[in-house]
Amino acid sequence: MRFTTIFFDLDDTLYPSSSGLWPAIKERMNAYMAERLHIPSAEIPRLRESYFREYGTTLRGLQAKHQVDVQDFLAYVHDLPLKEYLHPDPLQQKVLASLPTRNLIFTNADVPHARRVLRWLQIEQYFEDIVDVNRIDPFCKPKREAFEIALKVAGESDPSKCVMIDDMPATTRAARELGLYAILYGSPAPDRFGTLHGSDMDAAFDDWNQLPALLNGGPA
């Protein structure tokens, strides 16, 4: 294998989007904006879309426009019972255990949430570090600067030796533009992503059995 480091996204990548956890987190974001920042509920969808487009995440937009307390926001939105959403996957565990690479989490969430998810999925031992939203502040994925910080954390000077696995085409596209091998996780359904282009990723998979072949240069 020509790769030495793999960056894994967390939410909707290390567990399937069908789990319902990410929609629950987004509902917590809406509630935070209404309850803590007193933003009218009718305005929240428009603001979140605007912040996502301009700043990359709702949080970064709230930091810029509302001087939000970052740690309070992160604690609030991730305060959910993971047992209601997540289940360990023996196949995923087997595949991760087989990888000869250094594996890091690279997420726009924070370390406490990442550690809770990894522990619940029983895969914490397969990751040696977490590059989280605080570590890449004031940036976030898919910003180029966020990737540059992640590469420095990993001690990697050559992006071509690295892989980014993420469920968002914007992130895999940014990774590919920077020189990483970009793998899109999940079914690229038109109703979720629109039209995908070759520039969005180098490969895609929705079954953990497919990953080793992709990393070794073969078809999934």
C-alpha atoms as a PDB file:
ATOM      1  CA  MET A   1       0.000   0.000   0.000  1.00  0.00           C
ATOM      2  CA  ARG A   2       1.372   3.420  -0.986  1.00  0.00           C
ATOM      3  CA  PHE A   3      -0.524   5.262   1.749  1.00  0.00           C
ATOM      4  CA  THR A   4       0.851   5.912   5.224  1.00  0.00           C
ATOM      5  CA  THR A   5      -1.957   7.922   6.843  1.00  0.00           C
ATOM      6  CA  ILE A   6      -5.741   7.823   6.610  1.00  0.00           C
ATOM      7  CA  PHE A   7      -7.940  10.656   7.868  1.00  0.00           C
ATOM      8  CA  PHE A   8     -11.442   9.469   8.733  1.00  0.00           C
ATOM      9  CA  ASP A   9     -14.404  11.774   9.104  1.00  0.00           C
ATOM     10  CA  LEU A  10     -16.582  10.933  12.098  1.00  0.00           C
ATOM     11  CA  ASP A  11     -20.301  11.698  11.787  1.00  0.00           C
ATOM     12  CA  ASP A  12     -22.147   9.867   8.990  1.00  0.00           C
ATOM     13  CA  THR A  13     -18.871   8.154   8.015  1.00  0.00           C
ATOM     14  CA  LEU A  14     -17.906   5.857  10.878  1.00  0.00           C
ATOM     15  CA  TYR A  15     -21.588   5.084  11.270  1.00  0.00           C
ATOM     16  CA  PRO A  16     -24.294   5.087   8.562  1.00  0.00           C
ATOM     17  CA  SER A  17     -26.398   8.164   7.920  1.00  0.00           C
ATOM     18  CA  SER A  18     -29.459   5.986   8.497  1.00  0.00           C
ATOM     19  CA  SER A  19     -28.625   5.918  12.227  1.00  0.00           C
ATOM     20  CA  GLY A  20     -30.421   9.223  12.727  1.00  0.00           C
ATOM     21  CA  LEU A  21     -27.684  10.651  14.946  1.00  0.00           C
ATOM     22  CA  TRP A  22     -26.638  13.501  12.672  1.00  0.00           C
ATOM     23  CA  PRO A  23     -30.238  14.755  12.156  1.00  0.00           C
ATOM     24  CA  ALA A  24     -30.610  14.697  15.948  1.00  0.00           C
ATOM     25  CA  ILE A  25     -27.432  16.781  16.310  1.00  0.00           C
ATOM     26  CA  LYS A  26     -28.766  19.265  13.771  1.00  0.00           C
ATOM     27  CA  GLU A  27     -32.012  19.548  15.740  1.00  0.00           C
ATOM     28  CA  ARG A  28     -29.936  20.319  18.825  1.00  0.00           C
ATOM     29  CA  MET A  29     -28.189  23.076  16.849  1.00  0.00           C
ATOM     30  CA  ASN A  30     -31.575  24.566  15.964  1.00  0.00           C
ATOM     31  CA  ALA A  31     -32.670  24.385  19.590  1.00  0.00           C
ATOM     32  CA  TYR A  32     -29.460  26.052  20.774  1.00  0.00           C
ATOM     33  CA  MET A  33     -29.903  28.926  18.356  1.00  0.00           C
ATOM     34  CA  ALA A  34     -33.487  29.432  19.492  1.00  0.00           C
ATOM     35  CA  GLU A  35     -33.045  28.901  23.242  1.00  0.00           C
ATOM     36  CA  ARG A  36     -29.577  30.287  23.946  1.00  0.00           C
ATOM     37  CA  LEU A  37     -29.180  32.919  21.211  1.00  0.00           C
ATOM     38  CA  HIS A  38     -32.887  33.875  20.994  1.00  0.00           C
ATOM     39  CA  ILE A  39     -32.955  33.658  17.207  1.00  0.00           C
ATOM     40  CA  PRO A  40     -36.518  33.351  15.841  1.00  0.00           C
ATOM     41  CA  SER A  41     -37.180  29.757  14.788  1.00  0.00           C
ATOM     42  CA  ALA A  42     -38.372  30.844  11.348  1.00  0.00           C
ATOM     43  CA  GLU A  43     -34.985  32.477  10.692  1.00  0.00           C
ATOM     44  CA  ILE A  44     -32.822  29.516  11.724  1.00  0.00           C
ATOM     45  CA  PRO A  45     -32.917  27.402   8.505  1.00  0.00           C
ATOM     46  CA  ARG A  46     -31.963  30.404   6.365  1.00  0.00           C
ATOM     47  CA  LEU A  47     -29.183  31.447   8.733  1.00  0.00           C
ATOM     48  CA  ARG A  48     -27.747  27.949   8.961  1.00  0.00           C
ATOM     49  CA  GLU A  49     -27.671  27.636   5.182  1.00  0.00           C
ATOM     50  CA  SER A  50     -26.008  31.036   4.897  1.00  0.00           C
ATOM     51  CA  TYR A  51     -23.419  30.216   7.568  1.00  0.00           C
ATOM     52  CA  PHE A  52     -22.661  26.844   5.995  1.00  0.00           C
ATOM     53  CA  ARG A  53     -22.023  28.417   2.610  1.00  0.00           C
ATOM     54  CA  GLU A  54     -19.933  31.319   3.893  1.00  0.00           C
ATOM     55  CA  TYR A  55     -18.081  29.790   6.839  1.00  0.00           C
ATOM     56  CA  GLY A  56     -18.195  26.025   6.303  1.00  0.00           C
ATOM     57  CA  THR A  57     -20.226  25.135   9.407  1.00  0.00           C
ATOM     58  CA  THR A  58     -23.058  26.556  11.495  1.00  0.00           C
ATOM     59  CA  LEU A  59     -20.643  26.946  14.414  1.00  0.00           C
ATOM     60  CA  ARG A  60     -18.138  29.061  12.510  1.00  0.00           C
ATOM     61  CA  GLY A  61     -20.975  31.316  11.344  1.00  0.00           C
ATOM     62  CA  LEU A  62     -22.259  31.687  14.886  1.00  0.00           C
ATOM     63  CA  GLN A  63     -18.746  32.550  16.066  1.00  0.00           C
ATOM     64  CA  ALA A  64     -18.472  35.266  13.437  1.00  0.00           C
ATOM     65  CA  LYS A  65     -21.943  36.751  13.819  1.00  0.00           C
ATOM     66  CA  HIS A  66     -23.031  36.024  17.394  1.00  0.00           C
ATOM     67  CA  GLN A  67     -19.821  35.595  19.423  1.00  0.00           C
ATOM     68  CA  VAL A  68     -21.095  32.214  20.588  1.00  0.00           C
ATOM     69  CA  ASP A  69     -19.382  30.282  23.395  1.00  0.00           C
ATOM     70  CA  VAL A  70     -17.848  27.457  21.366  1.00  0.00           C
ATOM     71  CA  GLN A  71     -17.528  24.917  24.162  1.00  0.00           C
ATOM     72  CA  ASP A  72     -21.065  25.577  25.405  1.00  0.00           C
ATOM     73  CA  PHE A  73     -22.405  25.089  21.873  1.00  0.00           C
ATOM     74  CA  LEU A  74     -20.480  21.852  21.326  1.00  0.00           C
ATOM     75  CA  ALA A  75     -21.523  20.390  24.672  1.00  0.00           C
ATOM     76  CA  TYR A  76     -25.175  21.264  24.039  1.00  0.00           C
ATOM     77  CA  VAL A  77     -25.485  19.912  20.488  1.00  0.00           C
ATOM     78  CA  HIS A  78     -23.736  16.614  21.273  1.00  0.00           C
ATOM     79  CA  ASP A  79     -25.719  15.903  24.446  1.00  0.00           C
ATOM     80  CA  LEU A  80     -27.529  12.882  23.034  1.00  0.00           C
ATOM     81  CA  PRO A  81     -27.894   9.224  24.136  1.00  0.00           C
ATOM     82  CA  LEU A  82     -25.663   7.412  21.643  1.00  0.00           C
ATOM     83  CA  LYS A  83     -27.131   4.029  22.570  1.00  0.00           C
ATOM     84  CA  GLU A  84     -30.326   5.061  20.790  1.00  0.00           C
ATOM     85  CA  TYR A  85     -28.495   5.615  17.507  1.00  0.00           C
ATOM     86  CA  LEU A  86     -25.240   3.650  17.231  1.00  0.00           C
ATOM     87  CA  HIS A  87     -24.317  -0.031  17.205  1.00  0.00           C
ATOM     88  CA  PRO A  88     -20.850  -1.610  16.933  1.00  0.00           C
ATOM     89  CA  ASP A  89     -20.131  -3.155  13.536  1.00  0.00           C
ATOM     90  CA  PRO A  90     -17.894  -6.283  13.663  1.00  0.00           C
ATOM     91  CA  LEU A  91     -17.071  -5.952   9.957  1.00  0.00           C
ATOM     92  CA  GLN A  92     -15.939  -2.362  10.397  1.00  0.00           C
ATOM     93  CA  GLN A  93     -13.826  -3.402  13.386  1.00  0.00           C
ATOM     94  CA  LYS A  94     -12.191  -6.191  11.374  1.00  0.00           C
ATOM     95  CA  VAL A  95     -11.351  -3.878   8.459  1.00  0.00           C
ATOM     96  CA  LEU A  96      -9.925  -1.143  10.697  1.00  0.00           C
ATOM     97  CA  ALA A  97      -7.831  -3.682  12.586  1.00  0.00           C
ATOM     98  CA  SER A  98      -6.339  -4.879   9.283  1.00  0.00           C
ATOM     99  CA  LEU A  99      -5.146  -1.477   8.093  1.00  0.00           C
ATOM    100  CA  PRO A 100      -1.352  -0.987   8.210  1.00  0.00           C
ATOM    101  CA  THR A 101      -1.738   2.801   8.128  1.00  0.00           C
ATOM    102  CA  ARG A 102      -1.733   5.464  10.816  1.00  0.00           C
ATOM    103  CA  ASN A 103      -5.367   6.408  11.287  1.00  0.00           C
ATOM    104  CA  LEU A 104      -6.635   9.753  12.562  1.00  0.00           C
ATOM    105  CA  ILE A 105     -10.094  11.209  13.033  1.00  0.00           C
ATOM    106  CA  PHE A 106     -10.532  14.529  11.198  1.00  0.00           C
ATOM    107  CA  THR A 107     -13.833  16.102  12.200  1.00  0.00           C
ATOM    108  CA  ASN A 108     -15.704  19.376  12.513  1.00  0.00           C
ATOM    109  CA  ALA A 109     -17.025  18.050  15.838  1.00  0.00           C
ATOM    110  CA  ASP A 110     -14.966  18.096  19.038  1.00  0.00           C
ATOM    111  CA  VAL A 111     -12.802  15.549  20.848  1.00  0.00           C
ATOM    112  CA  PRO A 112     -15.348  14.632  23.575  1.00  0.00           C
ATOM    113  CA  HIS A 113     -18.015  13.791  20.976  1.00  0.00           C
ATOM    114  CA  ALA A 114     -15.500  11.892  18.844  1.00  0.00           C
ATOM    115  CA  ARG A 115     -14.281   9.826  21.793  1.00  0.00           C
ATOM    116  CA  ARG A 116     -17.845   8.970  22.837  1.00  0.00           C
ATOM    117  CA  VAL A 117     -18.681   7.792  19.312  1.00  0.00           C
ATOM    118  CA  LEU A 118     -15.468   5.770  18.979  1.00  0.00           C
ATOM    119  CA  ARG A 119     -15.960   4.113  22.354  1.00  0.00           C
ATOM    120  CA  TRP A 120     -19.570   3.265  21.624  1.00  0.00           C
ATOM    121  CA  LEU A 121     -18.590   1.749  18.262  1.00  0.00           C
ATOM    122  CA  GLN A 122     -15.704  -0.070  20.014  1.00  0.00           C
ATOM    123  CA  ILE A 123     -13.105   1.237  17.564  1.00  0.00           C
ATOM    124  CA  GLU A 124     -11.203   3.794  19.643  1.00  0.00           C
ATOM    125  CA  GLN A 125      -8.053   1.634  19.646  1.00  0.00           C
ATOM    126  CA  TYR A 126      -7.687   1.918  15.859  1.00  0.00           C
ATOM    127  CA  PHE A 127      -7.114   5.707  15.881  1.00  0.00           C
ATOM    128  CA  GLU A 128      -4.009   7.368  17.256  1.00  0.00           C
ATOM    129  CA  ASP A 129      -5.192  10.990  17.238  1.00  0.00           C
ATOM    130  CA  ILE A 130      -8.182  13.269  16.702  1.00  0.00           C
ATOM    131  CA  VAL A 131      -7.995  16.493  14.687  1.00  0.00           C
ATOM    132  CA  ASP A 132     -11.098  18.283  15.882  1.00  0.00           C
ATOM    133  CA  VAL A 133     -12.854  21.620  15.439  1.00  0.00           C
ATOM    134  CA  ASN A 134     -10.828  23.208  18.243  1.00  0.00           C
ATOM    135  CA  ARG A 135      -7.529  22.070  16.798  1.00  0.00           C
ATOM    136  CA  ILE A 136      -8.252  23.571  13.386  1.00  0.00           C
ATOM    137  CA  ASP A 137      -9.753  26.815  14.759  1.00  0.00           C
ATOM    138  CA  PRO A 138     -10.581  29.233  13.137  1.00  0.00           C
ATOM    139  CA  PHE A 139     -10.977  26.963  10.119  1.00  0.00           C
ATOM    140  CA  CYS A 140     -13.060  23.853   9.389  1.00  0.00           C
ATOM    141  CA  LYS A 141     -13.384  21.249   6.690  1.00  0.00           C
ATOM    142  CA  PRO A 142     -13.450  21.682   3.735  1.00  0.00           C
ATOM    143  CA  LYS A 143     -11.156  24.718   4.060  1.00  0.00           C
ATOM    144  CA  ARG A 144      -7.641  24.190   2.713  1.00  0.00           C
ATOM    145  CA  GLU A 145      -6.139  25.584   5.916  1.00  0.00           C
ATOM    146  CA  ALA A 146      -7.915  22.895   7.948  1.00  0.00           C
ATOM    147  CA  PHE A 147      -6.318  20.188   5.816  1.00  0.00           C
ATOM    148  CA  GLU A 148      -2.909  21.808   6.172  1.00  0.00           C
ATOM    149  CA  ILE A 149      -3.254  21.713   9.967  1.00  0.00           C
ATOM    150  CA  ALA A 150      -4.344  18.070   9.856  1.00  0.00           C
ATOM    151  CA  LEU A 151      -1.320  17.144   7.749  1.00  0.00           C
ATOM    152  CA  LYS A 152       0.991  18.887  10.215  1.00  0.00           C
ATOM    153  CA  VAL A 153      -0.618  17.058  13.130  1.00  0.00           C
ATOM    154  CA  ALA A 154      -0.055  13.774  11.302  1.00  0.00           C
ATOM    155  CA  GLY A 155       3.538  14.699  10.510  1.00  0.00           C
ATOM    156  CA  GLU A 156       2.872  14.253   6.808  1.00  0.00           C
ATOM    157  CA  SER A 157       4.629  16.531   4.329  1.00  0.00           C
ATOM    158  CA  ASP A 158       3.447  14.613   1.245  1.00  0.00           C
ATOM    159  CA  PRO A 159      -0.355  14.697   0.772  1.00  0.00           C
ATOM    160  CA  SER A 160      -0.159  11.942  -1.863  1.00  0.00           C
ATOM    161  CA  LYS A 161       0.662   9.464   0.900  1.00  0.00           C
ATOM    162  CA  CYS A 162      -2.575  10.336   2.692  1.00  0.00           C
ATOM    163  CA  VAL A 163      -6.224   9.372   2.312  1.00  0.00           C
ATOM    164  CA  MET A 164      -9.345  11.314   3.284  1.00  0.00           C
ATOM    165  CA  ILE A 165     -12.538   9.302   3.844  1.00  0.00           C
ATOM    166  CA  ASP A 166     -15.635  11.481   4.230  1.00  0.00           C
ATOM    167  CA  ASP A 167     -19.353  11.417   3.452  1.00  0.00           C
ATOM    168  CA  MET A 168     -19.412  14.944   2.002  1.00  0.00           C
ATOM    169  CA  PRO A 169     -18.378  15.543  -1.635  1.00  0.00           C
ATOM    170  CA  ALA A 170     -17.228  19.077  -0.769  1.00  0.00           C
ATOM    171  CA  THR A 171     -14.696  17.588   1.644  1.00  0.00           C
ATOM    172  CA  THR A 172     -13.465  14.838  -0.645  1.00  0.00           C
ATOM    173  CA  ARG A 173     -13.165  17.362  -3.470  1.00  0.00           C
ATOM    174  CA  ALA A 174     -11.081  19.692  -1.288  1.00  0.00           C
ATOM    175  CA  ALA A 175      -8.885  16.789  -0.193  1.00  0.00           C
ATOM    176  CA  ARG A 176      -8.357  15.717  -3.794  1.00  0.00           C
ATOM    177  CA  GLU A 177      -7.426  19.244  -4.845  1.00  0.00           C
ATOM    178  CA  LEU A 178      -4.783  19.306  -2.120  1.00  0.00           C
ATOM    179  CA  GLY A 179      -3.298  16.015  -3.324  1.00  0.00           C
ATOM    180  CA  LEU A 180      -4.817  13.482  -0.931  1.00  0.00           C
ATOM    181  CA  TYR A 181      -6.508  10.326  -2.202  1.00  0.00           C
ATOM    182  CA  ALA A 182     -10.179  11.124  -1.620  1.00  0.00           C
ATOM    183  CA  ILE A 183     -12.739   8.417  -0.873  1.00  0.00           C
ATOM    184  CA  LEU A 184     -16.426   9.226  -0.555  1.00  0.00           C
ATOM    185  CA  TYR A 185     -18.324   7.081   1.947  1.00  0.00           C
ATOM    186  CA  GLY A 186     -22.000   6.234   1.527  1.00  0.00           C
ATOM    187  CA  SER A 187     -24.398   5.905  -1.363  1.00  0.00           C
ATOM    188  CA  PRO A 188     -24.017   8.922  -3.656  1.00  0.00           C
ATOM    189  CA  ALA A 189     -27.768   9.236  -4.192  1.00  0.00           C
ATOM    190  CA  PRO A 190     -28.824  12.158  -6.433  1.00  0.00           C
ATOM    191  CA  ASP A 191     -31.384  13.354  -3.897  1.00  0.00           C
ATOM    192  CA  ARG A 192     -28.633  13.790  -1.310  1.00  0.00           C
ATOM    193  CA  PHE A 193     -25.668  15.068  -3.288  1.00  0.00           C
ATOM    194  CA  GLY A 194     -27.029  16.162  -6.652  1.00  0.00           C
ATOM    195  CA  THR A 195     -24.822  15.307  -9.614  1.00  0.00           C
ATOM    196  CA  LEU A 196     -21.409  13.965  -8.632  1.00  0.00           C
ATOM    197  CA  HIS A 197     -18.391  14.642 -10.820  1.00  0.00           C
ATOM    198  CA  GLY A 198     -15.060  12.873 -11.134  1.00  0.00           C
ATOM    199  CA  SER A 199     -13.407  15.842  -9.452  1.00  0.00           C
ATOM    200  CA  ASP A 200     -15.405  15.141  -6.268  1.00  0.00           C
ATOM    201  CA  MET A 201     -13.495  11.996  -5.305  1.00  0.00           C
ATOM    202  CA  ASP A 202     -11.052   9.334  -6.445  1.00  0.00           C
ATOM    203  CA  ALA A 203     -13.220   6.441  -5.260  1.00  0.00           C
ATOM    204  CA  ALA A 204     -16.381   5.671  -3.310  1.00  0.00           C
ATOM    205  CA  PHE A 205     -17.688   2.846  -1.144  1.00  0.00           C
ATOM    206  CA  ASP A 206     -20.687   1.987   1.013  1.00  0.00           C
ATOM    207  CA  ASP A 207     -19.542  -1.414   2.317  1.00  0.00           C
ATOM    208  CA  TRP A 208     -16.545  -1.685   4.648  1.00  0.00           C
ATOM    209  CA  ASN A 209     -15.518  -4.867   2.826  1.00  0.00           C
ATOM    210  CA  GLN A 210     -14.699  -2.683  -0.193  1.00  0.00           C
ATOM    211  CA  LEU A 211     -12.204  -0.405   1.545  1.00  0.00           C
ATOM    212  CA  PRO A 212      -9.023  -2.576   1.545  1.00  0.00           C
ATOM    213  CA  ALA A 213      -9.233  -3.096  -2.214  1.00  0.00           C
ATOM    214  CA  LEU A 214      -9.660   0.632  -2.832  1.00  0.00           C
ATOM    215  CA  LEU A 215      -6.607   1.419  -0.719  1.00  0.00           C
ATOM    216  CA  ASN A 216      -4.559  -1.148  -2.612  1.00  0.00           C
ATOM    217  CA  GLY A 217      -5.431   0.286  -6.000  1.00  0.00           C
ATOM    218  CA  GLY A 218      -8.067  -2.217  -7.051  1.00  0.00           C
ATOM    219  CA  PRO A 219     -11.803  -1.946  -7.727  1.00  0.00           C
ATOM    220  CA  ALA A 220     -14.176  -2.074  -4.784  1.00  0.00           C
END
